[in-house]
Amino acid sequence: MLVAGVKSRLRAQNITYRELAAQLGVSEPTIQRDLARGNFSLHRLGEICKVLGVGLADLAQPPESSPMTELTADHEQVLVADPRLLLVT
């Protein structure tokens, strides 16, 4: 689960294994092997978290998607039809 979180965060931030390896001072094959096996130390995981700018708990959650800035016409109709929903929104 943590490995999937690391890979997901790397993709979301457009960080390659090569860039991560350079920032950690290890070789790219080391990063590839560690992530493929899911076998690395807590120290290494902490370093990866620093590079990604996240905490360990954040890796267990999917990266946040971009915030919704517009509603569809159907969503607007539902909100307008219910004053409580409109108030909460």
N, C-alpha and C. Protein backbone atom coordinates (compact mmCIF):
# COMPACT_ATOMS: atom_id res chain seq x y z
N MET A 1 0.82 -1.19 0.00
CA MET A 1 0.00 0.00 0.00
C MET A 1 0.87 1.26 0.00
N LEU A 2 1.93 1.26 0.80
CA LEU A 2 2.81 2.42 0.84
C LEU A 2 3.56 2.59 -0.48
N VAL A 3 3.96 1.47 -1.06
CA VAL A 3 4.67 1.53 -2.35
C VAL A 3 3.75 2.13 -3.41
N ALA A 4 2.50 1.70 -3.41
CA ALA A 4 1.53 2.26 -4.37
C ALA A 4 1.37 3.75 -4.13
N GLY A 5 1.37 4.16 -2.87
CA GLY A 5 1.27 5.58 -2.54
C GLY A 5 2.47 6.36 -3.04
N VAL A 6 3.66 5.79 -2.89
CA VAL A 6 4.87 6.45 -3.38
C VAL A 6 4.79 6.60 -4.90
N LYS A 7 4.47 5.51 -5.58
CA LYS A 7 4.39 5.55 -7.04
C LYS A 7 3.34 6.55 -7.51
N SER A 8 2.21 6.55 -6.84
CA SER A 8 1.14 7.47 -7.19
C SER A 8 1.57 8.92 -7.01
N ARG A 9 2.24 9.21 -5.90
CA ARG A 9 2.71 10.58 -5.64
C ARG A 9 3.78 10.99 -6.63
N LEU A 10 4.65 10.06 -6.99
CA LEU A 10 5.67 10.37 -7.99
C LEU A 10 5.02 10.76 -9.31
N ARG A 11 4.02 9.97 -9.73
CA ARG A 11 3.31 10.29 -10.98
C ARG A 11 2.61 11.64 -10.88
N ALA A 12 1.94 11.87 -9.76
CA ALA A 12 1.18 13.11 -9.58
C ALA A 12 2.09 14.34 -9.62
N GLN A 13 3.32 14.18 -9.14
CA GLN A 13 4.24 15.31 -9.11
C GLN A 13 5.23 15.29 -10.27
N ASN A 14 5.02 14.37 -11.21
CA ASN A 14 5.90 14.24 -12.39
C ASN A 14 7.37 14.11 -12.00
N ILE A 15 7.63 13.29 -10.99
CA ILE A 15 9.00 13.01 -10.57
C ILE A 15 9.37 11.63 -11.07
N THR A 16 10.45 11.54 -11.83
CA THR A 16 10.89 10.25 -12.35
C THR A 16 11.71 9.52 -11.30
N TYR A 17 11.90 8.22 -11.52
CA TYR A 17 12.76 7.45 -10.62
C TYR A 17 14.17 8.02 -10.64
N ARG A 18 14.60 8.46 -11.80
CA ARG A 18 15.94 9.04 -11.92
C ARG A 18 16.07 10.29 -11.07
N GLU A 19 15.06 11.16 -11.11
CA GLU A 19 15.09 12.39 -10.31
C GLU A 19 15.04 12.07 -8.82
N LEU A 20 14.21 11.10 -8.44
CA LEU A 20 14.12 10.71 -7.05
C LEU A 20 15.47 10.14 -6.58
N ALA A 21 16.06 9.28 -7.40
CA ALA A 21 17.35 8.69 -7.05
C ALA A 21 18.41 9.77 -6.85
N ALA A 22 18.43 10.76 -7.74
CA ALA A 22 19.41 11.84 -7.64
C ALA A 22 19.22 12.61 -6.34
N GLN A 23 17.99 12.88 -5.97
CA GLN A 23 17.72 13.64 -4.75
C GLN A 23 18.07 12.83 -3.50
N LEU A 24 18.00 11.51 -3.61
CA LEU A 24 18.32 10.66 -2.46
C LEU A 24 19.79 10.24 -2.44
N GLY A 25 20.50 10.50 -3.53
CA GLY A 25 21.91 10.14 -3.60
C GLY A 25 22.13 8.65 -3.79
N VAL A 26 21.21 8.00 -4.50
CA VAL A 26 21.36 6.58 -4.83
C VAL A 26 21.17 6.41 -6.33
N SER A 27 21.37 5.20 -6.81
CA SER A 27 21.23 4.97 -8.25
C SER A 27 19.76 4.73 -8.60
N GLU A 28 19.44 4.97 -9.86
CA GLU A 28 18.08 4.72 -10.34
C GLU A 28 17.69 3.25 -10.20
N PRO A 29 18.59 2.30 -10.53
CA PRO A 29 18.23 0.89 -10.34
C PRO A 29 17.91 0.55 -8.87
N THR A 30 18.55 1.24 -7.94
CA THR A 30 18.25 1.01 -6.52
C THR A 30 16.81 1.40 -6.23
N ILE A 31 16.38 2.55 -6.74
CA ILE A 31 15.00 2.99 -6.54
C ILE A 31 14.04 2.02 -7.21
N GLN A 32 14.34 1.62 -8.43
CA GLN A 32 13.47 0.68 -9.15
C GLN A 32 13.34 -0.63 -8.39
N ARG A 33 14.46 -1.14 -7.91
CA ARG A 33 14.46 -2.41 -7.18
C ARG A 33 13.68 -2.27 -5.87
N ASP A 34 13.94 -1.19 -5.14
CA ASP A 34 13.24 -0.99 -3.86
C ASP A 34 11.73 -0.91 -4.06
N LEU A 35 11.29 -0.17 -5.05
CA LEU A 35 9.85 -0.01 -5.27
C LEU A 35 9.23 -1.27 -5.87
N ALA A 36 9.97 -2.01 -6.66
CA ALA A 36 9.45 -3.25 -7.23
C ALA A 36 9.26 -4.31 -6.14
N ARG A 37 10.22 -4.38 -5.23
CA ARG A 37 10.15 -5.38 -4.16
C ARG A 37 9.35 -4.89 -2.96
N GLY A 38 9.22 -3.57 -2.83
CA GLY A 38 8.56 -3.02 -1.65
C GLY A 38 9.41 -3.24 -0.42
N ASN A 39 10.70 -3.34 -0.63
CA ASN A 39 11.62 -3.67 0.44
C ASN A 39 12.64 -2.56 0.62
N PHE A 40 12.34 -1.64 1.53
CA PHE A 40 13.30 -0.60 1.85
C PHE A 40 13.14 -0.19 3.30
N SER A 41 14.15 0.46 3.82
CA SER A 41 14.15 0.81 5.23
C SER A 41 13.19 1.96 5.52
N LEU A 42 12.85 2.10 6.79
CA LEU A 42 12.02 3.23 7.20
C LEU A 42 12.76 4.54 6.96
N HIS A 43 14.07 4.49 7.11
CA HIS A 43 14.87 5.69 6.84
C HIS A 43 14.72 6.12 5.38
N ARG A 44 14.81 5.16 4.47
CA ARG A 44 14.66 5.46 3.04
C ARG A 44 13.25 5.97 2.76
N LEU A 45 12.26 5.34 3.37
CA LEU A 45 10.88 5.78 3.19
C LEU A 45 10.71 7.21 3.69
N GLY A 46 11.33 7.53 4.80
CA GLY A 46 11.28 8.90 5.32
C GLY A 46 11.91 9.90 4.37
N GLU A 47 13.02 9.50 3.76
CA GLU A 47 13.69 10.37 2.78
C GLU A 47 12.80 10.60 1.56
N ILE A 48 12.14 9.55 1.12
CA ILE A 48 11.23 9.65 -0.02
C ILE A 48 10.09 10.60 0.32
N CYS A 49 9.55 10.47 1.52
CA CYS A 49 8.47 11.37 1.97
C CYS A 49 8.93 12.82 1.94
N LYS A 50 10.17 13.07 2.37
CA LYS A 50 10.70 14.44 2.34
C LYS A 50 10.73 14.98 0.92
N VAL A 51 11.22 14.17 -0.01
CA VAL A 51 11.29 14.59 -1.41
C VAL A 51 9.89 14.90 -1.94
N LEU A 52 8.93 14.06 -1.57
CA LEU A 52 7.56 14.24 -2.06
C LEU A 52 6.80 15.32 -1.31
N GLY A 53 7.33 15.72 -0.16
CA GLY A 53 6.66 16.75 0.64
C GLY A 53 5.40 16.23 1.31
N VAL A 54 5.41 14.96 1.70
CA VAL A 54 4.26 14.35 2.35
C VAL A 54 4.71 13.61 3.60
N GLY A 55 3.76 13.30 4.46
CA GLY A 55 4.02 12.47 5.61
C GLY A 55 3.75 11.02 5.29
N LEU A 56 4.18 10.16 6.18
CA LEU A 56 3.99 8.73 5.97
C LEU A 56 2.52 8.37 5.85
N ALA A 57 1.68 8.98 6.67
CA ALA A 57 0.23 8.70 6.62
C ALA A 57 -0.38 9.12 5.28
N ASP A 58 0.19 10.16 4.67
CA ASP A 58 -0.33 10.63 3.39
C ASP A 58 -0.18 9.59 2.28
N LEU A 59 0.83 8.73 2.41
CA LEU A 59 1.06 7.73 1.37
C LEU A 59 -0.04 6.67 1.35
N ALA A 60 -0.75 6.53 2.45
CA ALA A 60 -1.83 5.55 2.51
C ALA A 60 -3.10 6.07 1.86
N GLN A 61 -3.11 7.35 1.51
CA GLN A 61 -4.28 7.96 0.89
C GLN A 61 -3.92 8.37 -0.53
N PRO A 62 -4.91 8.31 -1.43
CA PRO A 62 -4.62 8.73 -2.80
C PRO A 62 -4.35 10.22 -2.86
N PRO A 63 -3.52 10.65 -3.80
CA PRO A 63 -3.29 12.09 -3.93
C PRO A 63 -4.59 12.80 -4.24
N GLU A 64 -4.71 13.98 -3.73
CA GLU A 64 -5.93 14.73 -3.93
C GLU A 64 -6.07 15.11 -5.40
N SER A 65 -7.28 14.95 -5.88
CA SER A 65 -7.53 15.37 -7.24
C SER A 65 -7.75 16.88 -7.24
N SER A 66 -7.76 17.44 -8.41
CA SER A 66 -7.95 18.87 -8.48
C SER A 66 -9.34 19.24 -7.97
N PRO A 67 -9.44 20.37 -7.28
CA PRO A 67 -10.74 20.75 -6.72
C PRO A 67 -11.75 21.05 -7.82
N MET A 68 -13.01 20.77 -7.53
CA MET A 68 -14.07 21.03 -8.48
C MET A 68 -14.35 22.52 -8.51
N THR A 69 -14.38 23.11 -9.67
CA THR A 69 -14.60 24.55 -9.77
C THR A 69 -15.91 24.89 -10.46
N GLU A 70 -16.54 23.91 -11.09
CA GLU A 70 -17.80 24.15 -11.78
C GLU A 70 -18.75 23.00 -11.53
N LEU A 71 -20.03 23.31 -11.54
CA LEU A 71 -21.07 22.29 -11.42
C LEU A 71 -21.70 22.04 -12.78
N THR A 72 -22.17 20.83 -12.96
CA THR A 72 -22.93 20.55 -14.18
C THR A 72 -24.33 21.14 -14.01
N ALA A 73 -25.05 21.27 -15.09
CA ALA A 73 -26.41 21.80 -15.03
C ALA A 73 -27.30 20.92 -14.16
N ASP A 74 -27.11 19.61 -14.23
CA ASP A 74 -27.91 18.69 -13.40
C ASP A 74 -27.63 18.91 -11.92
N HIS A 75 -26.37 19.09 -11.57
CA HIS A 75 -26.02 19.34 -10.17
C HIS A 75 -26.62 20.66 -9.68
N GLU A 76 -26.57 21.66 -10.52
CA GLU A 76 -27.15 22.95 -10.15
C GLU A 76 -28.64 22.81 -9.88
N GLN A 77 -29.34 22.07 -10.72
CA GLN A 77 -30.79 21.88 -10.55
C GLN A 77 -31.10 21.19 -9.22
N VAL A 78 -30.30 20.19 -8.87
CA VAL A 78 -30.51 19.48 -7.61
C VAL A 78 -30.31 20.43 -6.43
N LEU A 79 -29.28 21.26 -6.49
CA LEU A 79 -29.01 22.20 -5.40
C LEU A 79 -30.11 23.26 -5.28
N VAL A 80 -30.55 23.78 -6.39
CA VAL A 80 -31.57 24.82 -6.38
C VAL A 80 -32.91 24.26 -5.88
N ALA A 81 -33.15 22.98 -6.15
CA ALA A 81 -34.41 22.37 -5.74
C ALA A 81 -34.48 22.12 -4.23
N ASP A 82 -33.34 22.06 -3.57
CA ASP A 82 -33.33 21.77 -2.12
C ASP A 82 -32.58 22.90 -1.40
N PRO A 83 -33.34 23.80 -0.71
CA PRO A 83 -32.71 24.94 -0.03
C PRO A 83 -31.63 24.53 0.98
N ARG A 84 -31.78 23.39 1.64
CA ARG A 84 -30.77 22.95 2.60
C ARG A 84 -29.46 22.62 1.91
N LEU A 85 -29.54 21.92 0.79
CA LEU A 85 -28.33 21.62 0.02
C LEU A 85 -27.67 22.89 -0.48
N LEU A 86 -28.49 23.80 -0.95
CA LEU A 86 -27.97 25.07 -1.46
C LEU A 86 -27.26 25.83 -0.36
N LEU A 87 -27.82 25.84 0.83
CA LEU A 87 -27.22 26.53 1.96
C LEU A 87 -25.88 25.91 2.32
N VAL A 88 -25.81 24.60 2.35
CA VAL A 88 -24.57 23.92 2.68
C VAL A 88 -23.49 24.19 1.63
N THR A 89 -23.91 24.24 0.38
CA THR A 89 -22.97 24.49 -0.70
C THR A 89 -22.45 25.90 -0.64
